[in-house]
Amino acid sequence: MIKGSQSISFEQAPYLITAASVVGEKEGAGPLGSLFDFVDNENLFGEDTWEAAESRMQNKACAIALGKAGLGPEQIRYLFGGDLLRQGIATSLGVEAFQIPMFGLYGACSTSGEALALASMSVAAGYGDYMLAVTSSHFGSAEKEFRFPLGYANQRPLSASWTVTGSGAFIVGTAPSSVRIAGVTIGKIVDYGLKDSQNMGACMAPAACDTILKHFEDFGRRAEDYDRIITGDLGYVGQSILFDLMRKRGNDIKSNHNDCGMMIFDQQMQDTHSGGSGCGCAATTLAACILPKLVSGEWKRVLFVPTGALMSTVSYNEGESVPGIAHGIVLEHAEI
């Protein structure tokens, strides 16, 4: 059912059947370390390059998710996946072995939300019984792509976030589970003209605000209707800006808001400055931390809002601003 101008409420809500999380050493040493399915202490996952390691992460996350669901790749109708690298090469090489018909996506750090939205829409429309959504990021490959190679050893400003080395994979389908995707709000590009790639929280916060407000409007809800509103990658700087923007529009979400970039690392002990970011940040935190609380019934309804900074090396080098986008996914506990 179409809700408002940007949202969909599913009359027959698809289920989030299984999830898998694969991370690197720093993530494994953080507050959520014991919750991840697999932690690699070398960050190379048996490969020779950061890029190949990222593909290996995606492959492993998909394999774990399929194994948990007791499904083979041939039972998955479509795969929706993406990453931060040029032409989505980490995904292409990572999922190639499964031979699942795929859609390659780019939503920057919001890709987990984009993939889940499209997967759930496809299931709800009857286009298949099972869909696979996957995304990843890697600190080494992302720094080389967007900032400076690690060997350069540049000093990071306090507003900078730390790209998560991780991959999250999710199977969405018709088979009942303890978590259903009740609806989605698809975000628009929001651009405040900011150009600082070392302050992505500030670039993405306006998009998070826009999507959350539009979600409230489309569904006729308030912040109090959710146990948690969890953004993806704003970090400490972006969260503060989000709170200010929301208050100016008559909404205070401080009491039940959290951010995956703040949850995945210990800011003081791990020296991650503003927090975590990257496609893998929201995806692995959702898989390892958020979904178990929904499965248990501790949380009944969560608005998951992964956020993305839509820049490229070309746009940055040409002095363009960094637009933001955010997608809202309504996750609800389901009795089975």
C-alpha atoms as a PDB file:
ATOM      1  CA  MET A   1       0.000   0.000   0.000  1.00  0.00           C
ATOM      2  CA  ILE A   2       1.376   3.406  -0.986  1.00  0.00           C
ATOM      3  CA  LYS A   3       1.716   5.737   2.005  1.00  0.00           C
ATOM      4  CA  GLY A   4       2.122   9.455   1.389  1.00  0.00           C
ATOM      5  CA  SER A   5       4.648  10.602  -1.179  1.00  0.00           C
ATOM      6  CA  GLN A   6       7.689   8.421  -0.375  1.00  0.00           C
ATOM      7  CA  SER A   7       6.591   5.375   1.592  1.00  0.00           C
ATOM      8  CA  ILE A   8       5.124   1.891   1.249  1.00  0.00           C
ATOM      9  CA  SER A   9       3.305  -0.097   3.929  1.00  0.00           C
ATOM     10  CA  PHE A  10       3.227  -3.825   3.191  1.00  0.00           C
ATOM     11  CA  GLU A  11      -0.165  -5.479   3.645  1.00  0.00           C
ATOM     12  CA  GLN A  12       1.549  -8.874   3.527  1.00  0.00           C
ATOM     13  CA  ALA A  13       4.803  -7.929   5.189  1.00  0.00           C
ATOM     14  CA  PRO A  14       7.863  -9.888   4.063  1.00  0.00           C
ATOM     15  CA  TYR A  15      10.051 -11.390   6.753  1.00  0.00           C
ATOM     16  CA  LEU A  16      13.704 -10.826   7.473  1.00  0.00           C
ATOM     17  CA  ILE A  17      14.552 -14.499   7.771  1.00  0.00           C
ATOM     18  CA  THR A  18      18.270 -14.575   8.551  1.00  0.00           C
ATOM     19  CA  ALA A  19      21.218 -12.201   8.814  1.00  0.00           C
ATOM     20  CA  ALA A  20      24.988 -12.627   8.858  1.00  0.00           C
ATOM     21  CA  SER A  21      27.828 -10.352   9.919  1.00  0.00           C
ATOM     22  CA  VAL A  22      31.505 -10.648   9.000  1.00  0.00           C
ATOM     23  CA  VAL A  23      34.000  -8.079  10.342  1.00  0.00           C
ATOM     24  CA  GLY A  24      37.654  -7.239  10.805  1.00  0.00           C
ATOM     25  CA  GLU A  25      39.913  -7.052  13.841  1.00  0.00           C
ATOM     26  CA  LYS A  26      39.026  -3.546  15.060  1.00  0.00           C
ATOM     27  CA  GLU A  27      35.302  -4.232  14.881  1.00  0.00           C
ATOM     28  CA  GLY A  28      35.790  -7.515  16.697  1.00  0.00           C
ATOM     29  CA  ALA A  29      37.567  -5.659  19.503  1.00  0.00           C
ATOM     30  CA  GLY A  30      34.671  -3.190  19.882  1.00  0.00           C
ATOM     31  CA  PRO A  31      31.549  -3.278  22.055  1.00  0.00           C
ATOM     32  CA  LEU A  32      29.696  -5.619  19.664  1.00  0.00           C
ATOM     33  CA  GLY A  33      32.637  -7.960  19.099  1.00  0.00           C
ATOM     34  CA  SER A  34      31.083 -11.075  20.622  1.00  0.00           C
ATOM     35  CA  LEU A  35      27.913 -10.685  18.542  1.00  0.00           C
ATOM     36  CA  PHE A  36      29.394 -10.956  15.046  1.00  0.00           C
ATOM     37  CA  ASP A  37      29.263 -14.239  13.162  1.00  0.00           C
ATOM     38  CA  PHE A  38      32.894 -14.103  12.025  1.00  0.00           C
ATOM     39  CA  VAL A  39      35.886 -11.934  12.944  1.00  0.00           C
ATOM     40  CA  ASP A  40      39.109 -11.970  10.919  1.00  0.00           C
ATOM     41  CA  ASN A  41      42.129 -10.817  12.896  1.00  0.00           C
ATOM     42  CA  GLU A  42      44.236 -10.133   9.809  1.00  0.00           C
ATOM     43  CA  ASN A  43      41.694  -7.931   7.943  1.00  0.00           C
ATOM     44  CA  LEU A  44      42.724  -9.638   4.689  1.00  0.00           C
ATOM     45  CA  PHE A  45      40.453 -12.689   5.002  1.00  0.00           C
ATOM     46  CA  GLY A  46      43.091 -14.859   3.374  1.00  0.00           C
ATOM     47  CA  GLU A  47      43.554 -12.552   0.359  1.00  0.00           C
ATOM     48  CA  ASP A  48      46.470 -10.437  -0.883  1.00  0.00           C
ATOM     49  CA  THR A  49      44.718  -7.069  -1.326  1.00  0.00           C
ATOM     50  CA  TRP A  50      42.154  -4.968   0.572  1.00  0.00           C
ATOM     51  CA  GLU A  51      39.784  -5.115  -2.394  1.00  0.00           C
ATOM     52  CA  ALA A  52      39.924  -8.890  -2.669  1.00  0.00           C
ATOM     53  CA  ALA A  53      39.435  -9.086   1.098  1.00  0.00           C
ATOM     54  CA  GLU A  54      36.230  -7.086   0.793  1.00  0.00           C
ATOM     55  CA  SER A  55      34.909  -9.455  -1.859  1.00  0.00           C
ATOM     56  CA  ARG A  56      35.795 -12.388   0.381  1.00  0.00           C
ATOM     57  CA  MET A  57      33.834 -10.775   3.221  1.00  0.00           C
ATOM     58  CA  GLN A  58      30.734 -10.522   1.046  1.00  0.00           C
ATOM     59  CA  ASN A  59      31.091 -14.114  -0.098  1.00  0.00           C
ATOM     60  CA  LYS A  60      31.411 -15.339   3.472  1.00  0.00           C
ATOM     61  CA  ALA A  61      28.485 -13.231   4.752  1.00  0.00           C
ATOM     62  CA  CYS A  62      26.215 -14.559   2.001  1.00  0.00           C
ATOM     63  CA  ALA A  63      27.291 -18.132   2.691  1.00  0.00           C
ATOM     64  CA  ILE A  64      26.581 -17.764   6.415  1.00  0.00           C
ATOM     65  CA  ALA A  65      23.154 -16.197   5.787  1.00  0.00           C
ATOM     66  CA  LEU A  66      22.230 -18.982   3.358  1.00  0.00           C
ATOM     67  CA  GLY A  67      23.449 -21.617   5.787  1.00  0.00           C
ATOM     68  CA  LYS A  68      21.396 -20.208   8.641  1.00  0.00           C
ATOM     69  CA  ALA A  69      18.295 -20.269   6.456  1.00  0.00           C
ATOM     70  CA  GLY A  70      19.001 -23.762   5.134  1.00  0.00           C
ATOM     71  CA  LEU A  71      18.799 -22.454   1.572  1.00  0.00           C
ATOM     72  CA  GLY A  72      20.916 -22.985  -1.499  1.00  0.00           C
ATOM     73  CA  PRO A  73      21.860 -20.158  -3.889  1.00  0.00           C
ATOM     74  CA  GLU A  74      19.502 -21.624  -6.503  1.00  0.00           C
ATOM     75  CA  GLN A  75      16.551 -20.877  -4.195  1.00  0.00           C
ATOM     76  CA  ILE A  76      17.287 -17.131  -4.131  1.00  0.00           C
ATOM     77  CA  ARG A  77      15.347 -15.287  -6.823  1.00  0.00           C
ATOM     78  CA  TYR A  78      17.378 -12.063  -6.880  1.00  0.00           C
ATOM     79  CA  LEU A  79      20.373 -10.588  -5.108  1.00  0.00           C
ATOM     80  CA  PHE A  80      20.620  -6.872  -4.301  1.00  0.00           C
ATOM     81  CA  GLY A  81      24.148  -5.801  -3.400  1.00  0.00           C
ATOM     82  CA  GLY A  82      26.623  -2.975  -3.432  1.00  0.00           C
ATOM     83  CA  ASP A  83      29.737  -1.459  -1.891  1.00  0.00           C
ATOM     84  CA  LEU A  84      31.853   1.718  -1.969  1.00  0.00           C
ATOM     85  CA  LEU A  85      34.378   0.780  -4.644  1.00  0.00           C
ATOM     86  CA  ARG A  86      34.311   1.893  -8.263  1.00  0.00           C
ATOM     87  CA  GLN A  87      31.747   0.060 -10.369  1.00  0.00           C
ATOM     88  CA  GLY A  88      30.771  -2.008  -7.309  1.00  0.00           C
ATOM     89  CA  ILE A  89      33.607  -4.407  -7.987  1.00  0.00           C
ATOM     90  CA  ALA A  90      33.730  -5.826  -4.442  1.00  0.00           C
ATOM     91  CA  THR A  91      30.170  -7.057  -4.857  1.00  0.00           C
ATOM     92  CA  SER A  92      30.599  -8.339  -8.407  1.00  0.00           C
ATOM     93  CA  LEU A  93      33.569 -10.497  -7.460  1.00  0.00           C
ATOM     94  CA  GLY A  94      32.187 -11.373  -4.046  1.00  0.00           C
ATOM     95  CA  VAL A  95      28.869 -12.867  -5.152  1.00  0.00           C
ATOM     96  CA  GLU A  96      29.954 -14.223  -8.547  1.00  0.00           C
ATOM     97  CA  ALA A  97      30.362 -17.782  -7.286  1.00  0.00           C
ATOM     98  CA  PHE A  98      26.722 -18.009  -6.148  1.00  0.00           C
ATOM     99  CA  GLN A  99      25.368 -17.368  -9.674  1.00  0.00           C
ATOM    100  CA  ILE A 100      22.267 -15.574  -8.340  1.00  0.00           C
ATOM    101  CA  PRO A 101      20.630 -13.021 -10.668  1.00  0.00           C
ATOM    102  CA  MET A 102      21.764  -9.710  -9.215  1.00  0.00           C
ATOM    103  CA  PHE A 103      21.141  -5.985  -9.113  1.00  0.00           C
ATOM    104  CA  GLY A 104      24.251  -3.917  -8.381  1.00  0.00           C
ATOM    105  CA  LEU A 105      23.495  -0.926  -6.143  1.00  0.00           C
ATOM    106  CA  TYR A 106      25.213   2.235  -5.006  1.00  0.00           C
ATOM    107  CA  GLY A 107      23.807   4.162  -2.084  1.00  0.00           C
ATOM    108  CA  ALA A 108      27.129   4.791  -0.345  1.00  0.00           C
ATOM    109  CA  CYS A 109      26.759   3.963   3.359  1.00  0.00           C
ATOM    110  CA  SER A 110      22.970   3.709   2.950  1.00  0.00           C
ATOM    111  CA  THR A 111      23.278   0.689   0.648  1.00  0.00           C
ATOM    112  CA  SER A 112      22.003  -1.770   3.270  1.00  0.00           C
ATOM    113  CA  GLY A 113      18.754   0.203   3.452  1.00  0.00           C
ATOM    114  CA  GLU A 114      18.443   0.440  -0.312  1.00  0.00           C
ATOM    115  CA  ALA A 115      19.059  -3.293  -0.706  1.00  0.00           C
ATOM    116  CA  LEU A 116      16.580  -4.237   2.034  1.00  0.00           C
ATOM    117  CA  ALA A 117      13.942  -1.903   0.614  1.00  0.00           C
ATOM    118  CA  LEU A 118      14.204  -3.360  -2.885  1.00  0.00           C
ATOM    119  CA  ALA A 119      14.339  -6.939  -1.594  1.00  0.00           C
ATOM    120  CA  SER A 120      11.250  -6.474   0.567  1.00  0.00           C
ATOM    121  CA  MET A 121       9.348  -4.700  -2.218  1.00  0.00           C
ATOM    122  CA  SER A 122      10.165  -7.563  -4.588  1.00  0.00           C
ATOM    123  CA  VAL A 123       8.979 -10.212  -2.130  1.00  0.00           C
ATOM    124  CA  ALA A 124       5.821  -8.271  -1.264  1.00  0.00           C
ATOM    125  CA  ALA A 125       5.037  -7.899  -4.977  1.00  0.00           C
ATOM    126  CA  GLY A 126       5.256 -11.647  -5.479  1.00  0.00           C
ATOM    127  CA  TYR A 127       8.372 -11.686  -7.635  1.00  0.00           C
ATOM    128  CA  GLY A 128      10.011 -14.408  -5.584  1.00  0.00           C
ATOM    129  CA  ASP A 129       9.950 -16.234  -2.271  1.00  0.00           C
ATOM    130  CA  TYR A 130      13.528 -15.371  -1.253  1.00  0.00           C
ATOM    131  CA  MET A 131      15.761 -12.369  -1.917  1.00  0.00           C
ATOM    132  CA  LEU A 132      19.314 -11.748  -0.711  1.00  0.00           C
ATOM    133  CA  ALA A 133      20.554  -8.280   0.294  1.00  0.00           C
ATOM    134  CA  VAL A 134      24.277  -7.771   0.918  1.00  0.00           C
ATOM    135  CA  THR A 135      26.753  -4.937   1.269  1.00  0.00           C
ATOM    136  CA  SER A 136      30.275  -4.316   2.544  1.00  0.00           C
ATOM    137  CA  SER A 137      33.051  -1.823   3.189  1.00  0.00           C
ATOM    138  CA  HIS A 138      36.707  -2.152   4.116  1.00  0.00           C
ATOM    139  CA  PHE A 139      38.836   0.438   5.883  1.00  0.00           C
ATOM    140  CA  GLY A 140      41.858  -0.200   3.684  1.00  0.00           C
ATOM    141  CA  SER A 141      40.055  -0.159   0.338  1.00  0.00           C
ATOM    142  CA  ALA A 142      37.861   2.837   1.241  1.00  0.00           C
ATOM    143  CA  GLU A 143      40.772   4.973   2.442  1.00  0.00           C
ATOM    144  CA  LYS A 144      42.672   4.214  -0.766  1.00  0.00           C
ATOM    145  CA  GLU A 145      39.606   4.987  -2.881  1.00  0.00           C
ATOM    146  CA  PHE A 146      38.358   8.167  -1.233  1.00  0.00           C
ATOM    147  CA  ARG A 147      41.126   9.657   0.925  1.00  0.00           C
ATOM    148  CA  PHE A 148      44.743   8.572   1.321  1.00  0.00           C
ATOM    149  CA  PRO A 149      46.429   5.157   1.088  1.00  0.00           C
ATOM    150  CA  LEU A 150      47.204   3.798   4.552  1.00  0.00           C
ATOM    151  CA  GLY A 151      50.944   4.129   3.966  1.00  0.00           C
ATOM    152  CA  TYR A 152      50.547   7.908   3.744  1.00  0.00           C
ATOM    153  CA  ALA A 153      49.710   7.957   7.481  1.00  0.00           C
ATOM    154  CA  ASN A 154      47.771  11.216   7.326  1.00  0.00           C
ATOM    155  CA  GLN A 155      46.352  12.747  10.501  1.00  0.00           C
ATOM    156  CA  ARG A 156      42.579  12.481  10.737  1.00  0.00           C
ATOM    157  CA  PRO A 157      40.490  15.405  12.057  1.00  0.00           C
ATOM    158  CA  LEU A 158      38.169  14.811  15.014  1.00  0.00           C
ATOM    159  CA  SER A 159      35.144  15.055  12.707  1.00  0.00           C
ATOM    160  CA  ALA A 160      36.339  12.081  10.646  1.00  0.00           C
ATOM    161  CA  SER A 161      34.742   8.658  10.956  1.00  0.00           C
ATOM    162  CA  TRP A 162      36.393   5.254  10.719  1.00  0.00           C
ATOM    163  CA  THR A 163      35.278   3.080   7.809  1.00  0.00           C
ATOM    164  CA  VAL A 164      34.060  -0.251   9.129  1.00  0.00           C
ATOM    165  CA  THR A 165      35.665  -3.392   7.776  1.00  0.00           C
ATOM    166  CA  GLY A 166      32.597  -5.569   7.543  1.00  0.00           C
ATOM    167  CA  SER A 167      29.878  -7.166   5.476  1.00  0.00           C
ATOM    168  CA  GLY A 168      26.240  -7.816   6.305  1.00  0.00           C
ATOM    169  CA  ALA A 169      23.944 -10.176   4.398  1.00  0.00           C
ATOM    170  CA  PHE A 170      20.194 -10.613   4.839  1.00  0.00           C
ATOM    171  CA  ILE A 171      17.645 -13.029   3.442  1.00  0.00           C
ATOM    172  CA  VAL A 172      14.176 -11.549   2.958  1.00  0.00           C
ATOM    173  CA  GLY A 173      11.284 -13.813   2.118  1.00  0.00           C
ATOM    174  CA  THR A 174       7.802 -15.152   2.679  1.00  0.00           C
ATOM    175  CA  ALA A 175       8.732 -17.803   5.257  1.00  0.00           C
ATOM    176  CA  PRO A 176       7.623 -16.589   8.713  1.00  0.00           C
ATOM    177  CA  SER A 177      10.298 -15.417  11.125  1.00  0.00           C
ATOM    178  CA  SER A 178      10.463 -13.269  14.256  1.00  0.00           C
ATOM    179  CA  VAL A 179      11.155 -10.050  12.324  1.00  0.00           C
ATOM    180  CA  ARG A 180       9.089  -8.569   9.534  1.00  0.00           C
ATOM    181  CA  ILE A 181       9.727  -5.571   7.302  1.00  0.00           C
ATOM    182  CA  ALA A 182       6.476  -3.663   7.759  1.00  0.00           C
ATOM    183  CA  GLY A 183       7.239  -0.729   5.485  1.00  0.00           C
ATOM    184  CA  VAL A 184       9.833   1.489   3.863  1.00  0.00           C
ATOM    185  CA  THR A 185      10.402   5.184   3.273  1.00  0.00           C
ATOM    186  CA  ILE A 186      12.692   5.875   0.332  1.00  0.00           C
ATOM    187  CA  GLY A 187      14.852   8.940   0.780  1.00  0.00           C
ATOM    188  CA  LYS A 188      15.617  11.836  -1.521  1.00  0.00           C
ATOM    189  CA  ILE A 189      18.979  13.429  -2.213  1.00  0.00           C
ATOM    190  CA  VAL A 190      19.549  16.298   0.220  1.00  0.00           C
ATOM    191  CA  ASP A 191      22.489  18.640  -0.367  1.00  0.00           C
ATOM    192  CA  TYR A 192      23.403  21.472   2.017  1.00  0.00           C
ATOM    193  CA  GLY A 193      26.496  22.345  -0.023  1.00  0.00           C
ATOM    194  CA  LEU A 194      29.044  20.850   2.379  1.00  0.00           C
ATOM    195  CA  LYS A 195      32.308  19.729   0.792  1.00  0.00           C
ATOM    196  CA  ASP A 196      34.285  18.214   3.674  1.00  0.00           C
ATOM    197  CA  SER A 197      34.752  14.493   3.044  1.00  0.00           C
ATOM    198  CA  GLN A 198      36.293  14.218   6.515  1.00  0.00           C
ATOM    199  CA  ASN A 199      32.991  15.256   8.094  1.00  0.00           C
ATOM    200  CA  MET A 200      30.478  12.922   6.504  1.00  0.00           C
ATOM    201  CA  GLY A 201      28.193  13.028   9.515  1.00  0.00           C
ATOM    202  CA  ALA A 202      27.443  16.672   8.768  1.00  0.00           C
ATOM    203  CA  CYS A 203      26.863  15.856   5.086  1.00  0.00           C
ATOM    204  CA  MET A 204      24.408  13.054   5.868  1.00  0.00           C
ATOM    205  CA  ALA A 205      22.487  14.457   8.852  1.00  0.00           C
ATOM    206  CA  PRO A 206      20.152  16.658   6.720  1.00  0.00           C
ATOM    207  CA  ALA A 207      19.142  13.620   4.647  1.00  0.00           C
ATOM    208  CA  ALA A 208      18.457  11.588   7.793  1.00  0.00           C
ATOM    209  CA  CYS A 209      16.289  14.403   9.130  1.00  0.00           C
ATOM    210  CA  ASP A 210      14.381  14.682   5.846  1.00  0.00           C
ATOM    211  CA  THR A 211      13.661  10.949   5.639  1.00  0.00           C
ATOM    212  CA  ILE A 212      12.630  10.593   9.292  1.00  0.00           C
ATOM    213  CA  LEU A 213      10.247  13.550   9.057  1.00  0.00           C
ATOM    214  CA  LYS A 214       8.776  12.280   5.801  1.00  0.00           C
ATOM    215  CA  HIS A 215       8.339   8.852   7.373  1.00  0.00           C
ATOM    216  CA  PHE A 216       6.446  10.328  10.324  1.00  0.00           C
ATOM    217  CA  GLU A 217       4.243  12.269   7.915  1.00  0.00           C
ATOM    218  CA  ASP A 218       3.555   9.374   5.543  1.00  0.00           C
ATOM    219  CA  PHE A 219       2.758   6.874   8.314  1.00  0.00           C
ATOM    220  CA  GLY A 220       1.073   9.319  10.691  1.00  0.00           C
ATOM    221  CA  ARG A 221       3.515   8.430  13.473  1.00  0.00           C
ATOM    222  CA  ARG A 222       5.760  10.082  16.019  1.00  0.00           C
ATOM    223  CA  ALA A 223       9.098   9.197  17.557  1.00  0.00           C
ATOM    224  CA  GLU A 224       7.282   7.631  20.518  1.00  0.00           C
ATOM    225  CA  ASP A 225       5.834   4.975  18.210  1.00  0.00           C
ATOM    226  CA  TYR A 226       9.275   3.353  17.949  1.00  0.00           C
ATOM    227  CA  ASP A 227      11.393   1.638  20.558  1.00  0.00           C
ATOM    228  CA  ARG A 228      14.426   2.921  18.704  1.00  0.00           C
ATOM    229  CA  ILE A 229      15.191   5.139  15.732  1.00  0.00           C
ATOM    230  CA  ILE A 230      18.644   4.033  14.584  1.00  0.00           C
ATOM    231  CA  THR A 231      20.580   5.886  11.922  1.00  0.00           C
ATOM    232  CA  GLY A 232      23.460   4.351  10.071  1.00  0.00           C
ATOM    233  CA  ASP A 233      26.630   6.381   9.987  1.00  0.00           C
ATOM    234  CA  LEU A 234      26.161   9.857  11.427  1.00  0.00           C
ATOM    235  CA  GLY A 235      28.523   9.352  14.345  1.00  0.00           C
ATOM    236  CA  TYR A 236      28.793  11.785  17.234  1.00  0.00           C
ATOM    237  CA  VAL A 237      29.069  14.912  15.073  1.00  0.00           C
ATOM    238  CA  GLY A 238      26.218  13.945  12.764  1.00  0.00           C
ATOM    239  CA  GLN A 239      23.957  12.915  15.631  1.00  0.00           C
ATOM    240  CA  SER A 240      24.272  16.327  17.255  1.00  0.00           C
ATOM    241  CA  ILE A 241      23.386  18.017  13.974  1.00  0.00           C
ATOM    242  CA  LEU A 242      20.437  15.659  13.445  1.00  0.00           C
ATOM    243  CA  PHE A 243      19.047  16.505  16.883  1.00  0.00           C
ATOM    244  CA  ASP A 244      19.274  20.241  16.126  1.00  0.00           C
ATOM    245  CA  LEU A 245      17.594  19.847  12.737  1.00  0.00           C
ATOM    246  CA  MET A 246      14.795  17.728  14.165  1.00  0.00           C
ATOM    247  CA  ARG A 247      14.114  20.125  17.049  1.00  0.00           C
ATOM    248  CA  LYS A 248      13.842  23.048  14.650  1.00  0.00           C
ATOM    249  CA  ARG A 249      11.055  21.112  12.962  1.00  0.00           C
ATOM    250  CA  GLY A 250       9.257  20.350  16.209  1.00  0.00           C
ATOM    251  CA  ASN A 251      10.537  16.798  16.799  1.00  0.00           C
ATOM    252  CA  ASP A 252      12.775  15.582  19.604  1.00  0.00           C
ATOM    253  CA  ILE A 253      14.153  12.078  19.032  1.00  0.00           C
ATOM    254  CA  LYS A 254      17.008  12.241  21.546  1.00  0.00           C
ATOM    255  CA  SER A 255      15.453   9.827  24.047  1.00  0.00           C
ATOM    256  CA  ASN A 256      15.159   6.869  21.671  1.00  0.00           C
ATOM    257  CA  HIS A 257      17.779   7.547  19.012  1.00  0.00           C
ATOM    258  CA  ASN A 258      21.009   5.699  18.435  1.00  0.00           C
ATOM    259  CA  ASP A 259      23.496   5.486  15.595  1.00  0.00           C
ATOM    260  CA  CYS A 260      25.312   2.425  14.286  1.00  0.00           C
ATOM    261  CA  GLY A 261      28.504   4.452  13.957  1.00  0.00           C
ATOM    262  CA  MET A 262      28.399   5.123  17.683  1.00  0.00           C
ATOM    263  CA  MET A 263      27.443   1.571  18.640  1.00  0.00           C
ATOM    264  CA  ILE A 264      30.104  -0.392  16.773  1.00  0.00           C
ATOM    265  CA  PHE A 265      33.237   1.226  18.248  1.00  0.00           C
ATOM    266  CA  ASP A 266      34.362   2.498  21.653  1.00  0.00           C
ATOM    267  CA  GLN A 267      35.179   6.097  20.761  1.00  0.00           C
ATOM    268  CA  GLN A 268      37.685   6.616  23.566  1.00  0.00           C
ATOM    269  CA  MET A 269      39.398   3.238  23.711  1.00  0.00           C
ATOM    270  CA  GLN A 270      39.569   2.691  19.939  1.00  0.00           C
ATOM    271  CA  ASP A 271      40.393   6.249  18.786  1.00  0.00           C
ATOM    272  CA  THR A 272      37.690   6.341  16.134  1.00  0.00           C
ATOM    273  CA  HIS A 273      36.930  10.070  16.507  1.00  0.00           C
ATOM    274  CA  SER A 274      33.347  10.666  15.331  1.00  0.00           C
ATOM    275  CA  GLY A 275      32.541   6.941  15.077  1.00  0.00           C
ATOM    276  CA  GLY A 276      32.082   4.319  12.401  1.00  0.00           C
ATOM    277  CA  SER A 277      30.945   4.658   8.788  1.00  0.00           C
ATOM    278  CA  GLY A 278      30.923   2.686   5.549  1.00  0.00           C
ATOM    279  CA  CYS A 279      28.369   0.304   4.058  1.00  0.00           C
ATOM    280  CA  GLY A 280      29.416  -2.355   6.526  1.00  0.00           C
ATOM    281  CA  CYS A 281      28.723  -0.179   9.568  1.00  0.00           C
ATOM    282  CA  ALA A 282      24.928  -0.146   9.466  1.00  0.00           C
ATOM    283  CA  ALA A 283      24.718  -3.626   7.913  1.00  0.00           C
ATOM    284  CA  THR A 284      26.788  -5.475  10.506  1.00  0.00           C
ATOM    285  CA  THR A 285      25.279  -3.565  13.433  1.00  0.00           C
ATOM    286  CA  LEU A 286      21.797  -4.415  12.177  1.00  0.00           C
ATOM    287  CA  ALA A 287      22.667  -8.084  11.770  1.00  0.00           C
ATOM    288  CA  ALA A 288      24.573  -8.536  15.029  1.00  0.00           C
ATOM    289  CA  CYS A 289      22.878  -6.174  17.489  1.00  0.00           C
ATOM    290  CA  ILE A 290      19.557  -4.720  16.332  1.00  0.00           C
ATOM    291  CA  LEU A 291      17.851  -7.805  14.903  1.00  0.00           C
ATOM    292  CA  PRO A 292      18.469 -10.025  17.973  1.00  0.00           C
ATOM    293  CA  LYS A 293      16.623  -7.484  20.144  1.00  0.00           C
ATOM    294  CA  LEU A 294      13.694  -7.589  17.718  1.00  0.00           C
ATOM    295  CA  VAL A 295      13.763 -11.380  17.583  1.00  0.00           C
ATOM    296  CA  SER A 296      13.618 -11.623  21.374  1.00  0.00           C
ATOM    297  CA  GLY A 297      10.813  -9.075  21.579  1.00  0.00           C
ATOM    298  CA  GLU A 298      12.863  -6.650  23.691  1.00  0.00           C
ATOM    299  CA  TRP A 299      12.144  -4.149  20.921  1.00  0.00           C
ATOM    300  CA  LYS A 300       8.796  -4.302  19.142  1.00  0.00           C
ATOM    301  CA  ARG A 301       9.341  -1.718  16.415  1.00  0.00           C
ATOM    302  CA  VAL A 302      12.497  -0.053  15.098  1.00  0.00           C
ATOM    303  CA  LEU A 303      12.974   2.557  12.399  1.00  0.00           C
ATOM    304  CA  PHE A 304      16.299   1.699  10.772  1.00  0.00           C
ATOM    305  CA  VAL A 305      17.680   4.647   8.770  1.00  0.00           C
ATOM    306  CA  PRO A 306      21.062   3.961   7.122  1.00  0.00           C
ATOM    307  CA  THR A 307      22.628   7.115   5.707  1.00  0.00           C
ATOM    308  CA  GLY A 308      24.925   7.702   2.739  1.00  0.00           C
ATOM    309  CA  ALA A 309      27.288  10.414   1.490  1.00  0.00           C
ATOM    310  CA  LEU A 310      26.986  10.297  -2.312  1.00  0.00           C
ATOM    311  CA  MET A 311      30.450  11.397  -3.341  1.00  0.00           C
ATOM    312  CA  SER A 312      33.006   9.930  -5.704  1.00  0.00           C
ATOM    313  CA  THR A 313      36.692  10.553  -6.220  1.00  0.00           C
ATOM    314  CA  VAL A 314      35.837  12.516  -9.374  1.00  0.00           C
ATOM    315  CA  SER A 315      33.210  14.731  -7.742  1.00  0.00           C
ATOM    316  CA  TYR A 316      35.479  15.389  -4.752  1.00  0.00           C
ATOM    317  CA  ASN A 317      38.504  16.276  -6.879  1.00  0.00           C
ATOM    318  CA  GLU A 318      36.347  18.631  -8.947  1.00  0.00           C
ATOM    319  CA  GLY A 319      35.242  20.490  -5.837  1.00  0.00           C
ATOM    320  CA  GLU A 320      31.624  19.370  -5.817  1.00  0.00           C
ATOM    321  CA  SER A 321      29.560  19.198  -2.646  1.00  0.00           C
ATOM    322  CA  VAL A 322      28.731  15.917  -0.894  1.00  0.00           C
ATOM    323  CA  PRO A 323      24.995  15.132  -1.174  1.00  0.00           C
ATOM    324  CA  GLY A 324      23.359  12.847   1.359  1.00  0.00           C
ATOM    325  CA  ILE A 325      20.607  10.250   1.225  1.00  0.00           C
ATOM    326  CA  ALA A 326      18.863   8.071   3.810  1.00  0.00           C
ATOM    327  CA  HIS A 327      16.312   5.264   3.591  1.00  0.00           C
ATOM    328  CA  GLY A 328      13.903   4.236   6.333  1.00  0.00           C
ATOM    329  CA  ILE A 329      13.116   0.565   7.023  1.00  0.00           C
ATOM    330  CA  VAL A 330      10.380  -0.327   9.522  1.00  0.00           C
ATOM    331  CA  LEU A 331      11.325  -3.513  11.383  1.00  0.00           C
ATOM    332  CA  GLU A 332       8.812  -5.139  13.711  1.00  0.00           C
ATOM    333  CA  HIS A 333       8.829  -8.095  16.076  1.00  0.00           C
ATOM    334  CA  ALA A 334       6.556 -10.841  14.822  1.00  0.00           C
ATOM    335  CA  GLU A 335       5.019 -13.654  16.849  1.00  0.00           C
ATOM    336  CA  ILE A 336       5.399 -17.029  15.147  1.00  0.00           C
END
